[in-house]
Amino acid sequence: MLEPVKHILSSKRIILASGSPRRRELLHNIGVKCEIIPSTFEENLDPKSFTPDAFVTETAKFKVLEVAERLSSDVRSPDLIIGCDTTVALGDTMLGKPSNKENAFEMLSMLSGKAHTVYTGVVLKTPSKTVSFCESTKVYFAKLSPEVIKSYIETGEPMDKAGGYGIQSIGGSLIEKIDGDYFTVMGLPLCSLSKHILQLLEEKSV
């Protein structure tokens, strides 16, 4: 979708306020060259005070604002800062990244044989405008034995991912089906992102 404006984007200073290698790869795959400057925002918002979509959008906003403040004295200011946050919601419970192997086992046991929803919030900040949006995808897990869960945790894959699994790798074998955008589950809804970037370009906001 961004191919017609690739030459314009290549002249812009675009910042990804995330250290996620998956998000960086996704942006690269759609032709968006960016600098990786992970936010140092502590991500200490109380999930109980927000709906899942508001929680991820608000967290993404604070990530962007922290990076924008840090770069405010740069000779060349960023033309676009992209911030993202993802959470897994099972009923009224939001699941972030597991704190340890035991926590990962608890999360995956909760998800086993059930459907949950993944929310990814994105905030785009230009010098003149800030845009936010959230996408959600329903994910249906297979029934997992304790042995399968423990073996998966031993791969190390669950430890840096919301909900304790990665759909793009081994974790994909735990999922029966999804209803919604695959890339939302990976942490960056590419179609919505591209539409919003195009809109910002049309408005000459970036």
N, C-alpha and C. Protein backbone atom coordinates (compact mmCIF):
# COMPACT_ATOMS: atom_id res chain seq x y z
N MET A 1 0.81 -1.21 0.00
CA MET A 1 0.00 0.00 0.00
C MET A 1 0.85 1.28 0.00
N LEU A 2 2.05 1.18 0.59
CA LEU A 2 2.91 2.37 0.69
C LEU A 2 3.90 2.48 -0.47
N GLU A 3 3.86 1.54 -1.40
CA GLU A 3 4.81 1.57 -2.52
C GLU A 3 4.80 2.89 -3.29
N PRO A 4 3.63 3.48 -3.58
CA PRO A 4 3.62 4.74 -4.35
C PRO A 4 4.28 5.91 -3.62
N VAL A 5 4.39 5.83 -2.30
CA VAL A 5 4.96 6.95 -1.54
C VAL A 5 6.29 6.57 -0.89
N LYS A 6 6.84 5.45 -1.33
CA LYS A 6 8.08 4.95 -0.73
C LYS A 6 9.21 5.98 -0.83
N HIS A 7 9.27 6.67 -1.97
CA HIS A 7 10.34 7.66 -2.18
C HIS A 7 10.18 8.85 -1.23
N ILE A 8 8.94 9.16 -0.88
CA ILE A 8 8.70 10.26 0.07
C ILE A 8 9.10 9.82 1.48
N LEU A 9 8.68 8.62 1.85
CA LEU A 9 8.99 8.11 3.19
C LEU A 9 10.49 7.96 3.41
N SER A 10 11.21 7.61 2.33
CA SER A 10 12.65 7.39 2.47
C SER A 10 13.41 8.67 2.82
N SER A 11 12.78 9.82 2.56
CA SER A 11 13.42 11.10 2.88
C SER A 11 13.07 11.60 4.28
N LYS A 12 12.20 10.87 4.96
CA LYS A 12 11.74 11.29 6.28
C LYS A 12 12.54 10.60 7.38
N ARG A 13 12.64 11.28 8.51
CA ARG A 13 13.24 10.65 9.69
C ARG A 13 12.11 9.99 10.49
N ILE A 14 12.08 8.67 10.42
CA ILE A 14 11.02 7.89 11.07
C ILE A 14 11.62 7.10 12.22
N ILE A 15 10.99 7.20 13.37
CA ILE A 15 11.47 6.55 14.59
C ILE A 15 10.48 5.47 15.02
N LEU A 16 10.98 4.29 15.31
CA LEU A 16 10.16 3.25 15.95
C LEU A 16 10.52 3.24 17.43
N ALA A 17 9.54 3.62 18.27
CA ALA A 17 9.79 3.73 19.71
C ALA A 17 9.60 2.37 20.38
N SER A 18 10.29 1.37 19.85
CA SER A 18 10.15 0.00 20.34
C SER A 18 11.41 -0.77 20.03
N GLY A 19 11.77 -1.66 20.93
CA GLY A 19 12.93 -2.52 20.69
C GLY A 19 12.53 -3.86 20.11
N SER A 20 11.25 -4.02 19.77
CA SER A 20 10.76 -5.31 19.27
C SER A 20 11.34 -5.63 17.90
N PRO A 21 12.08 -6.73 17.79
CA PRO A 21 12.62 -7.11 16.48
C PRO A 21 11.51 -7.47 15.50
N ARG A 22 10.38 -7.93 16.01
CA ARG A 22 9.27 -8.29 15.12
C ARG A 22 8.67 -7.04 14.47
N ARG A 23 8.47 -5.99 15.25
CA ARG A 23 7.92 -4.76 14.67
C ARG A 23 8.90 -4.13 13.68
N ARG A 24 10.17 -4.16 14.02
CA ARG A 24 11.18 -3.62 13.12
C ARG A 24 11.17 -4.37 11.79
N GLU A 25 11.06 -5.69 11.86
CA GLU A 25 11.04 -6.50 10.65
C GLU A 25 9.79 -6.23 9.82
N LEU A 26 8.66 -6.07 10.48
CA LEU A 26 7.41 -5.80 9.76
C LEU A 26 7.49 -4.47 9.02
N LEU A 27 8.03 -3.44 9.66
CA LEU A 27 8.19 -2.15 8.98
C LEU A 27 9.13 -2.28 7.80
N HIS A 28 10.22 -2.99 7.99
CA HIS A 28 11.18 -3.21 6.91
C HIS A 28 10.50 -3.91 5.73
N ASN A 29 9.65 -4.88 6.04
CA ASN A 29 8.99 -5.66 4.99
C ASN A 29 8.06 -4.83 4.12
N ILE A 30 7.50 -3.74 4.69
CA ILE A 30 6.62 -2.89 3.88
C ILE A 30 7.35 -1.65 3.37
N GLY A 31 8.67 -1.66 3.49
CA GLY A 31 9.48 -0.61 2.89
C GLY A 31 9.63 0.66 3.70
N VAL A 32 9.37 0.58 5.01
CA VAL A 32 9.52 1.76 5.87
C VAL A 32 10.86 1.68 6.59
N LYS A 33 11.78 2.57 6.22
CA LYS A 33 13.08 2.62 6.89
C LYS A 33 12.95 3.47 8.14
N CYS A 34 13.42 2.94 9.26
CA CYS A 34 13.25 3.68 10.51
C CYS A 34 14.45 3.49 11.42
N GLU A 35 14.59 4.43 12.34
CA GLU A 35 15.57 4.29 13.42
C GLU A 35 14.88 3.60 14.60
N ILE A 36 15.61 2.74 15.27
CA ILE A 36 15.07 2.05 16.43
C ILE A 36 15.53 2.77 17.69
N ILE A 37 14.60 3.41 18.37
CA ILE A 37 14.90 4.09 19.63
C ILE A 37 13.86 3.63 20.65
N PRO A 38 14.15 2.55 21.37
CA PRO A 38 13.17 2.01 22.32
C PRO A 38 12.81 3.03 23.40
N SER A 39 11.55 3.10 23.72
CA SER A 39 11.10 3.99 24.79
C SER A 39 11.54 3.45 26.14
N THR A 40 11.82 4.37 27.06
CA THR A 40 12.16 3.98 28.43
C THR A 40 10.96 4.15 29.37
N PHE A 41 9.79 4.39 28.79
CA PHE A 41 8.58 4.50 29.62
C PHE A 41 8.40 3.21 30.42
N GLU A 42 8.12 3.34 31.69
CA GLU A 42 8.11 2.19 32.60
C GLU A 42 6.94 1.24 32.39
N GLU A 43 5.97 1.62 31.59
CA GLU A 43 4.78 0.78 31.35
C GLU A 43 4.13 0.38 32.67
N ASN A 44 3.88 1.39 33.49
CA ASN A 44 3.36 1.13 34.83
C ASN A 44 1.89 1.53 34.99
N LEU A 45 1.18 1.67 33.88
CA LEU A 45 -0.25 1.97 33.98
C LEU A 45 -0.98 0.77 34.58
N ASP A 46 -2.03 1.05 35.33
CA ASP A 46 -2.80 -0.02 35.97
C ASP A 46 -3.83 -0.56 34.98
N PRO A 47 -3.68 -1.81 34.53
CA PRO A 47 -4.63 -2.36 33.56
C PRO A 47 -6.07 -2.34 34.05
N LYS A 48 -6.26 -2.42 35.35
CA LYS A 48 -7.62 -2.45 35.91
C LYS A 48 -8.35 -1.12 35.72
N SER A 49 -7.60 -0.07 35.42
CA SER A 49 -8.21 1.25 35.24
C SER A 49 -8.62 1.53 33.79
N PHE A 50 -8.37 0.57 32.89
CA PHE A 50 -8.62 0.79 31.47
C PHE A 50 -9.33 -0.41 30.84
N THR A 51 -10.04 -0.15 29.75
CA THR A 51 -10.43 -1.23 28.85
C THR A 51 -9.17 -1.65 28.09
N PRO A 52 -9.13 -2.86 27.53
CA PRO A 52 -7.91 -3.30 26.84
C PRO A 52 -7.47 -2.36 25.71
N ASP A 53 -8.43 -1.89 24.91
CA ASP A 53 -8.05 -1.01 23.79
C ASP A 53 -7.51 0.33 24.30
N ALA A 54 -8.13 0.86 25.35
CA ALA A 54 -7.64 2.12 25.92
C ALA A 54 -6.27 1.94 26.58
N PHE A 55 -6.07 0.78 27.19
CA PHE A 55 -4.80 0.51 27.87
C PHE A 55 -3.63 0.50 26.89
N VAL A 56 -3.78 -0.24 25.78
CA VAL A 56 -2.66 -0.33 24.83
C VAL A 56 -2.43 0.99 24.11
N THR A 57 -3.51 1.72 23.82
CA THR A 57 -3.36 3.01 23.14
C THR A 57 -2.69 4.03 24.05
N GLU A 58 -3.09 4.04 25.31
CA GLU A 58 -2.50 4.98 26.27
C GLU A 58 -1.02 4.65 26.51
N THR A 59 -0.71 3.37 26.63
CA THR A 59 0.69 2.96 26.82
C THR A 59 1.53 3.35 25.62
N ALA A 60 1.00 3.12 24.42
CA ALA A 60 1.72 3.50 23.19
C ALA A 60 1.95 5.01 23.15
N LYS A 61 0.97 5.77 23.61
CA LYS A 61 1.10 7.24 23.63
C LYS A 61 2.24 7.68 24.53
N PHE A 62 2.32 7.09 25.72
CA PHE A 62 3.38 7.48 26.65
C PHE A 62 4.76 7.06 26.12
N LYS A 63 4.83 5.95 25.42
CA LYS A 63 6.09 5.53 24.80
C LYS A 63 6.55 6.58 23.79
N VAL A 64 5.62 7.02 22.95
CA VAL A 64 5.93 8.02 21.92
C VAL A 64 6.34 9.35 22.56
N LEU A 65 5.61 9.78 23.57
CA LEU A 65 5.91 11.06 24.21
C LEU A 65 7.28 11.05 24.87
N GLU A 66 7.65 9.91 25.46
CA GLU A 66 8.97 9.82 26.10
C GLU A 66 10.07 9.95 25.07
N VAL A 67 9.94 9.27 23.95
CA VAL A 67 10.96 9.34 22.90
C VAL A 67 10.98 10.73 22.27
N ALA A 68 9.82 11.32 22.05
CA ALA A 68 9.74 12.66 21.47
C ALA A 68 10.46 13.68 22.35
N GLU A 69 10.27 13.57 23.65
CA GLU A 69 10.92 14.47 24.59
C GLU A 69 12.43 14.28 24.55
N ARG A 70 12.87 13.03 24.47
CA ARG A 70 14.30 12.74 24.46
C ARG A 70 14.98 13.26 23.20
N LEU A 71 14.23 13.28 22.09
CA LEU A 71 14.82 13.71 20.81
C LEU A 71 14.55 15.17 20.49
N SER A 72 13.91 15.88 21.40
CA SER A 72 13.48 17.26 21.12
C SER A 72 14.63 18.21 20.84
N SER A 73 15.81 17.89 21.34
CA SER A 73 16.96 18.78 21.13
C SER A 73 17.83 18.35 19.95
N ASP A 74 17.42 17.30 19.25
CA ASP A 74 18.19 16.85 18.08
C ASP A 74 18.20 17.93 17.00
N VAL A 75 19.29 17.97 16.24
CA VAL A 75 19.40 18.94 15.15
C VAL A 75 18.28 18.71 14.13
N ARG A 76 18.06 17.44 13.80
CA ARG A 76 16.95 17.11 12.90
C ARG A 76 15.87 16.39 13.70
N SER A 77 14.75 17.05 13.86
CA SER A 77 13.65 16.45 14.61
C SER A 77 13.02 15.30 13.81
N PRO A 78 12.45 14.33 14.49
CA PRO A 78 11.77 13.24 13.78
C PRO A 78 10.57 13.76 12.99
N ASP A 79 10.36 13.19 11.82
CA ASP A 79 9.16 13.51 11.04
C ASP A 79 7.98 12.66 11.50
N LEU A 80 8.29 11.47 12.00
CA LEU A 80 7.23 10.56 12.44
C LEU A 80 7.79 9.63 13.51
N ILE A 81 7.08 9.53 14.63
CA ILE A 81 7.43 8.57 15.68
C ILE A 81 6.29 7.57 15.79
N ILE A 82 6.64 6.29 15.75
CA ILE A 82 5.64 5.22 15.83
C ILE A 82 5.79 4.51 17.16
N GLY A 83 4.71 4.47 17.93
CA GLY A 83 4.71 3.75 19.20
C GLY A 83 3.63 2.69 19.20
N CYS A 84 3.90 1.55 19.82
CA CYS A 84 2.94 0.44 19.82
C CYS A 84 2.91 -0.24 21.17
N ASP A 85 1.79 -0.87 21.45
CA ASP A 85 1.71 -1.74 22.63
C ASP A 85 0.67 -2.81 22.35
N THR A 86 0.93 -4.00 22.87
CA THR A 86 0.05 -5.15 22.64
C THR A 86 -0.29 -5.83 23.96
N THR A 87 -1.54 -6.23 24.09
CA THR A 87 -1.93 -7.03 25.26
C THR A 87 -2.86 -8.14 24.82
N VAL A 88 -2.93 -9.17 25.63
CA VAL A 88 -3.84 -10.29 25.42
C VAL A 88 -4.92 -10.20 26.48
N ALA A 89 -6.18 -10.28 26.07
CA ALA A 89 -7.29 -10.21 27.02
C ALA A 89 -8.09 -11.50 27.00
N LEU A 90 -8.20 -12.11 28.15
CA LEU A 90 -9.02 -13.31 28.34
C LEU A 90 -10.11 -12.94 29.33
N GLY A 91 -11.31 -12.70 28.82
CA GLY A 91 -12.36 -12.18 29.68
C GLY A 91 -11.98 -10.81 30.18
N ASP A 92 -12.01 -10.63 31.49
CA ASP A 92 -11.65 -9.34 32.09
C ASP A 92 -10.18 -9.25 32.47
N THR A 93 -9.42 -10.29 32.15
CA THR A 93 -8.01 -10.34 32.54
C THR A 93 -7.10 -9.98 31.38
N MET A 94 -6.21 -9.01 31.60
CA MET A 94 -5.21 -8.64 30.59
C MET A 94 -3.89 -9.31 30.92
N LEU A 95 -3.28 -9.90 29.90
CA LEU A 95 -2.02 -10.61 30.08
C LEU A 95 -0.92 -9.90 29.30
N GLY A 96 0.10 -9.43 30.00
CA GLY A 96 1.26 -8.83 29.35
C GLY A 96 2.33 -9.89 29.12
N LYS A 97 3.58 -9.49 29.21
CA LYS A 97 4.69 -10.44 29.06
C LYS A 97 4.86 -11.20 30.37
N PRO A 98 5.13 -12.50 30.30
CA PRO A 98 5.34 -13.26 31.54
C PRO A 98 6.58 -12.80 32.28
N SER A 99 6.49 -12.79 33.61
CA SER A 99 7.61 -12.33 34.44
C SER A 99 8.64 -13.42 34.66
N ASN A 100 8.23 -14.68 34.53
CA ASN A 100 9.14 -15.81 34.70
C ASN A 100 8.49 -17.05 34.08
N LYS A 101 9.17 -18.18 34.14
CA LYS A 101 8.65 -19.40 33.53
C LYS A 101 7.34 -19.86 34.17
N GLU A 102 7.25 -19.71 35.48
CA GLU A 102 6.04 -20.12 36.19
C GLU A 102 4.85 -19.28 35.73
N ASN A 103 5.09 -17.99 35.57
CA ASN A 103 4.04 -17.09 35.10
C ASN A 103 3.64 -17.43 33.67
N ALA A 104 4.62 -17.78 32.83
CA ALA A 104 4.33 -18.19 31.46
C ALA A 104 3.46 -19.44 31.44
N PHE A 105 3.77 -20.40 32.32
CA PHE A 105 2.98 -21.63 32.40
C PHE A 105 1.54 -21.32 32.81
N GLU A 106 1.41 -20.41 33.76
CA GLU A 106 0.07 -20.01 34.23
C GLU A 106 -0.73 -19.36 33.10
N MET A 107 -0.08 -18.46 32.35
CA MET A 107 -0.75 -17.78 31.24
C MET A 107 -1.21 -18.77 30.17
N LEU A 108 -0.29 -19.62 29.74
CA LEU A 108 -0.60 -20.55 28.65
C LEU A 108 -1.65 -21.57 29.08
N SER A 109 -1.64 -21.94 30.34
CA SER A 109 -2.67 -22.85 30.86
C SER A 109 -4.04 -22.17 30.82
N MET A 110 -4.06 -20.88 31.12
CA MET A 110 -5.32 -20.11 31.06
C MET A 110 -5.85 -20.03 29.63
N LEU A 111 -4.94 -19.86 28.66
CA LEU A 111 -5.34 -19.69 27.26
C LEU A 111 -5.71 -21.02 26.60
N SER A 112 -5.21 -22.12 27.12
CA SER A 112 -5.40 -23.44 26.53
C SER A 112 -6.88 -23.78 26.31
N GLY A 113 -7.22 -24.12 25.07
CA GLY A 113 -8.57 -24.55 24.74
C GLY A 113 -9.61 -23.44 24.71
N LYS A 114 -9.17 -22.19 24.77
CA LYS A 114 -10.11 -21.07 24.83
C LYS A 114 -9.81 -20.04 23.74
N ALA A 115 -10.76 -19.13 23.56
CA ALA A 115 -10.55 -17.99 22.66
C ALA A 115 -10.22 -16.76 23.49
N HIS A 116 -9.25 -15.99 23.02
CA HIS A 116 -8.92 -14.73 23.67
C HIS A 116 -8.78 -13.66 22.59
N THR A 117 -8.62 -12.42 23.02
CA THR A 117 -8.50 -11.32 22.07
C THR A 117 -7.18 -10.60 22.26
N VAL A 118 -6.50 -10.35 21.15
CA VAL A 118 -5.24 -9.60 21.17
C VAL A 118 -5.53 -8.17 20.70
N TYR A 119 -5.10 -7.21 21.48
CA TYR A 119 -5.26 -5.79 21.16
C TYR A 119 -3.89 -5.17 20.91
N THR A 120 -3.75 -4.47 19.81
CA THR A 120 -2.53 -3.69 19.56
C THR A 120 -2.92 -2.23 19.32
N GLY A 121 -2.38 -1.37 20.17
CA GLY A 121 -2.60 0.06 20.02
C GLY A 121 -1.40 0.70 19.36
N VAL A 122 -1.65 1.65 18.48
CA VAL A 122 -0.57 2.34 17.76
C VAL A 122 -0.79 3.85 17.86
N VAL A 123 0.30 4.57 18.10
CA VAL A 123 0.25 6.03 18.11
C VAL A 123 1.29 6.56 17.13
N LEU A 124 0.86 7.46 16.26
CA LEU A 124 1.74 8.09 15.28
C LEU A 124 1.84 9.57 15.62
N LYS A 125 3.06 10.03 15.85
CA LYS A 125 3.26 11.45 16.21
C LYS A 125 4.12 12.13 15.17
N THR A 126 3.60 13.21 14.60
CA THR A 126 4.37 14.06 13.69
C THR A 126 4.56 15.40 14.40
N PRO A 127 5.33 16.32 13.83
CA PRO A 127 5.51 17.62 14.48
C PRO A 127 4.20 18.38 14.70
N SER A 128 3.17 18.08 13.89
CA SER A 128 1.93 18.86 13.98
C SER A 128 0.71 18.07 14.42
N LYS A 129 0.85 16.75 14.51
CA LYS A 129 -0.36 15.95 14.76
C LYS A 129 -0.01 14.65 15.47
N THR A 130 -0.96 14.16 16.29
CA THR A 130 -0.83 12.84 16.91
C THR A 130 -2.09 12.05 16.61
N VAL A 131 -1.90 10.85 16.08
CA VAL A 131 -3.02 9.98 15.71
C VAL A 131 -2.88 8.66 16.46
N SER A 132 -3.99 8.15 16.97
CA SER A 132 -3.94 6.86 17.65
C SER A 132 -5.05 5.95 17.14
N PHE A 133 -4.79 4.66 17.14
CA PHE A 133 -5.81 3.68 16.76
C PHE A 133 -5.49 2.34 17.40
N CYS A 134 -6.48 1.48 17.43
CA CYS A 134 -6.30 0.15 18.02
C CYS A 134 -7.00 -0.88 17.15
N GLU A 135 -6.37 -2.01 16.98
CA GLU A 135 -6.97 -3.14 16.27
C GLU A 135 -7.03 -4.34 17.20
N SER A 136 -8.00 -5.21 16.97
CA SER A 136 -8.12 -6.41 17.80
C SER A 136 -8.36 -7.64 16.94
N THR A 137 -7.85 -8.76 17.40
CA THR A 137 -8.00 -10.04 16.70
C THR A 137 -8.33 -11.13 17.71
N LYS A 138 -9.29 -11.97 17.37
CA LYS A 138 -9.65 -13.08 18.24
C LYS A 138 -8.79 -14.29 17.88
N VAL A 139 -8.23 -14.92 18.89
CA VAL A 139 -7.31 -16.06 18.69
C VAL A 139 -7.86 -17.27 19.44
N TYR A 140 -7.93 -18.39 18.74
CA TYR A 140 -8.46 -19.63 19.32
C TYR A 140 -7.32 -20.61 19.56
N PHE A 141 -7.09 -20.92 20.83
CA PHE A 141 -6.01 -21.85 21.19
C PHE A 141 -6.51 -23.29 21.19
N ALA A 142 -5.64 -24.20 20.79
CA ALA A 142 -5.90 -25.63 20.94
C ALA A 142 -5.80 -26.00 22.42
N LYS A 143 -6.33 -27.15 22.76
CA LYS A 143 -6.18 -27.67 24.12
C LYS A 143 -4.75 -28.18 24.27
N LEU A 144 -4.02 -27.64 25.25
CA LEU A 144 -2.60 -27.95 25.39
C LEU A 144 -2.36 -28.76 26.66
N SER A 145 -1.57 -29.81 26.54
CA SER A 145 -1.20 -30.59 27.71
C SER A 145 -0.12 -29.85 28.50
N PRO A 146 0.01 -30.12 29.79
CA PRO A 146 1.09 -29.51 30.57
C PRO A 146 2.46 -29.78 29.97
N GLU A 147 2.64 -30.95 29.39
CA GLU A 147 3.93 -31.29 28.78
C GLU A 147 4.24 -30.38 27.59
N VAL A 148 3.23 -30.15 26.76
CA VAL A 148 3.41 -29.26 25.60
C VAL A 148 3.74 -27.84 26.07
N ILE A 149 3.03 -27.36 27.06
CA ILE A 149 3.26 -26.01 27.58
C ILE A 149 4.68 -25.88 28.14
N LYS A 150 5.08 -26.84 28.95
CA LYS A 150 6.42 -26.79 29.55
C LYS A 150 7.51 -26.84 28.48
N SER A 151 7.33 -27.69 27.49
CA SER A 151 8.33 -27.80 26.41
C SER A 151 8.42 -26.50 25.62
N TYR A 152 7.26 -25.88 25.39
CA TYR A 152 7.26 -24.61 24.66
C TYR A 152 7.98 -23.53 25.45
N ILE A 153 7.74 -23.48 26.74
CA ILE A 153 8.39 -22.48 27.59
C ILE A 153 9.91 -22.67 27.57
N GLU A 154 10.36 -23.91 27.52
CA GLU A 154 11.80 -24.19 27.51
C GLU A 154 12.49 -23.67 26.25
N THR A 155 11.73 -23.42 25.20
CA THR A 155 12.34 -22.84 23.99
C THR A 155 12.73 -21.38 24.22
N GLY A 156 12.16 -20.76 25.25
CA GLY A 156 12.45 -19.35 25.53
C GLY A 156 11.57 -18.38 24.77
N GLU A 157 10.82 -18.87 23.80
CA GLU A 157 10.02 -17.99 22.95
C GLU A 157 8.95 -17.19 23.70
N PRO A 158 8.29 -17.75 24.71
CA PRO A 158 7.19 -17.01 25.35
C PRO A 158 7.61 -15.78 26.15
N MET A 159 8.87 -15.69 26.54
CA MET A 159 9.24 -14.78 27.62
C MET A 159 9.17 -13.28 27.29
N ASP A 160 9.23 -12.91 26.02
CA ASP A 160 9.19 -11.48 25.69
C ASP A 160 7.94 -11.11 24.91
N LYS A 161 6.89 -11.92 25.07
CA LYS A 161 5.69 -11.71 24.26
C LYS A 161 4.43 -11.64 25.12
N ALA A 162 3.55 -10.71 24.79
CA ALA A 162 2.28 -10.60 25.51
C ALA A 162 1.51 -11.91 25.41
N GLY A 163 1.02 -12.37 26.55
CA GLY A 163 0.28 -13.63 26.57
C GLY A 163 1.15 -14.86 26.61
N GLY A 164 2.46 -14.67 26.42
CA GLY A 164 3.39 -15.79 26.52
C GLY A 164 3.49 -16.66 25.29
N TYR A 165 3.19 -16.10 24.10
CA TYR A 165 3.36 -16.91 22.88
C TYR A 165 3.63 -16.00 21.69
N GLY A 166 4.25 -16.59 20.66
CA GLY A 166 4.52 -15.87 19.43
C GLY A 166 3.87 -16.57 18.26
N ILE A 167 2.89 -15.93 17.63
CA ILE A 167 2.14 -16.56 16.55
C ILE A 167 3.00 -16.83 15.33
N GLN A 168 4.07 -16.04 15.15
CA GLN A 168 4.87 -16.13 13.94
C GLN A 168 5.91 -17.24 13.98
N SER A 169 6.01 -17.94 15.10
CA SER A 169 7.03 -18.98 15.21
C SER A 169 6.41 -20.24 15.80
N ILE A 170 7.09 -20.85 16.78
CA ILE A 170 6.60 -22.11 17.34
C ILE A 170 5.19 -21.96 17.89
N GLY A 171 4.91 -20.81 18.48
CA GLY A 171 3.59 -20.57 19.06
C GLY A 171 2.45 -20.68 18.07
N GLY A 172 2.75 -20.52 16.79
CA GLY A 172 1.71 -20.66 15.77
C GLY A 172 1.10 -22.04 15.75
N SER A 173 1.86 -23.04 16.19
CA SER A 173 1.34 -24.42 16.19
C SER A 173 0.36 -24.67 17.33
N LEU A 174 0.22 -23.71 18.24
CA LEU A 174 -0.71 -23.84 19.35
C LEU A 174 -2.08 -23.26 19.01
N ILE A 175 -2.18 -22.61 17.86
CA ILE A 175 -3.37 -21.83 17.50
C ILE A 175 -4.18 -22.55 16.43
N GLU A 176 -5.47 -22.74 16.70
CA GLU A 176 -6.34 -23.41 15.74
C GLU A 176 -6.79 -22.46 14.63
N LYS A 177 -7.14 -21.24 15.00
CA LYS A 177 -7.57 -20.26 14.00
C LYS A 177 -7.57 -18.87 14.63
N ILE A 178 -7.67 -17.86 13.77
CA ILE A 178 -7.82 -16.49 14.25
C ILE A 178 -8.96 -15.83 13.49
N ASP A 179 -9.53 -14.82 14.09
CA ASP A 179 -10.58 -14.02 13.46
C ASP A 179 -10.13 -12.57 13.52
N GLY A 180 -9.57 -12.09 12.41
CA GLY A 180 -9.05 -10.72 12.39
C GLY A 180 -7.68 -10.68 11.73
N ASP A 181 -6.97 -9.61 11.97
CA ASP A 181 -5.69 -9.35 11.32
C ASP A 181 -4.54 -10.09 12.01
N TYR A 182 -3.83 -10.88 11.24
CA TYR A 182 -2.68 -11.64 11.76
C TYR A 182 -1.62 -10.73 12.36
N PHE A 183 -1.35 -9.61 11.69
CA PHE A 183 -0.26 -8.74 12.12
C PHE A 183 -0.59 -7.98 13.41
N THR A 184 -1.88 -7.87 13.73
CA THR A 184 -2.26 -7.31 15.03
C THR A 184 -1.72 -8.20 16.14
N VAL A 185 -1.79 -9.51 15.93
CA VAL A 185 -1.29 -10.47 16.93
C VAL A 185 0.23 -10.38 17.03
N MET A 186 0.89 -10.08 15.92
CA MET A 186 2.35 -9.92 15.93
C MET A 186 2.79 -8.61 16.57
N GLY A 187 1.85 -7.66 16.68
CA GLY A 187 2.19 -6.42 17.38
C GLY A 187 2.22 -5.17 16.53
N LEU A 188 1.83 -5.28 15.24
CA LEU A 188 1.80 -4.09 14.39
C LEU A 188 0.83 -4.31 13.23
N PRO A 189 -0.41 -3.81 13.33
CA PRO A 189 -1.40 -4.01 12.26
C PRO A 189 -1.03 -3.22 11.01
N LEU A 190 -0.47 -3.91 10.03
CA LEU A 190 0.16 -3.24 8.89
C LEU A 190 -0.82 -2.49 8.00
N CYS A 191 -1.99 -3.07 7.76
CA CYS A 191 -2.95 -2.40 6.87
C CYS A 191 -3.42 -1.08 7.48
N SER A 192 -3.84 -1.11 8.73
CA SER A 192 -4.29 0.12 9.40
C SER A 192 -3.16 1.14 9.51
N LEU A 193 -1.96 0.65 9.83
CA LEU A 193 -0.80 1.54 9.91
C LEU A 193 -0.57 2.24 8.58
N SER A 194 -0.59 1.49 7.50
CA SER A 194 -0.34 2.05 6.17
C SER A 194 -1.40 3.09 5.80
N LYS A 195 -2.66 2.78 6.11
CA LYS A 195 -3.75 3.74 5.83
C LYS A 195 -3.54 5.05 6.57
N HIS A 196 -3.15 4.96 7.83
CA HIS A 196 -2.96 6.18 8.62
C HIS A 196 -1.73 6.97 8.15
N ILE A 197 -0.68 6.28 7.75
CA ILE A 197 0.50 6.99 7.22
C ILE A 197 0.13 7.71 5.92
N LEU A 198 -0.62 7.03 5.04
CA LEU A 198 -1.05 7.67 3.80
C LEU A 198 -1.90 8.91 4.09
N GLN A 199 -2.77 8.81 5.07
CA GLN A 199 -3.62 9.95 5.44
C GLN A 199 -2.77 11.12 5.92
N LEU A 200 -1.77 10.83 6.74
CA LEU A 200 -0.89 11.89 7.24
C LEU A 200 -0.12 12.55 6.09
N LEU A 201 0.30 11.74 5.12
CA LEU A 201 1.00 12.29 3.96
C LEU A 201 0.07 13.17 3.12
N GLU A 202 -1.16 12.73 2.93
CA GLU A 202 -2.13 13.51 2.16
C GLU A 202 -2.41 14.86 2.83
N GLU A 203 -2.42 14.83 4.17
CA GLU A 203 -2.67 16.07 4.92
C GLU A 203 -1.41 16.93 5.05
N LYS A 204 -0.29 16.38 4.54
CA LYS A 204 1.01 17.03 4.67
C LYS A 204 1.39 17.23 6.14
N SER A 205 0.97 16.27 6.96
CA SER A 205 1.31 16.32 8.38
C SER A 205 2.64 15.63 8.66
N VAL A 206 3.16 14.92 7.67
CA VAL A 206 4.45 14.24 7.84
C VAL A 206 5.29 14.47 6.60
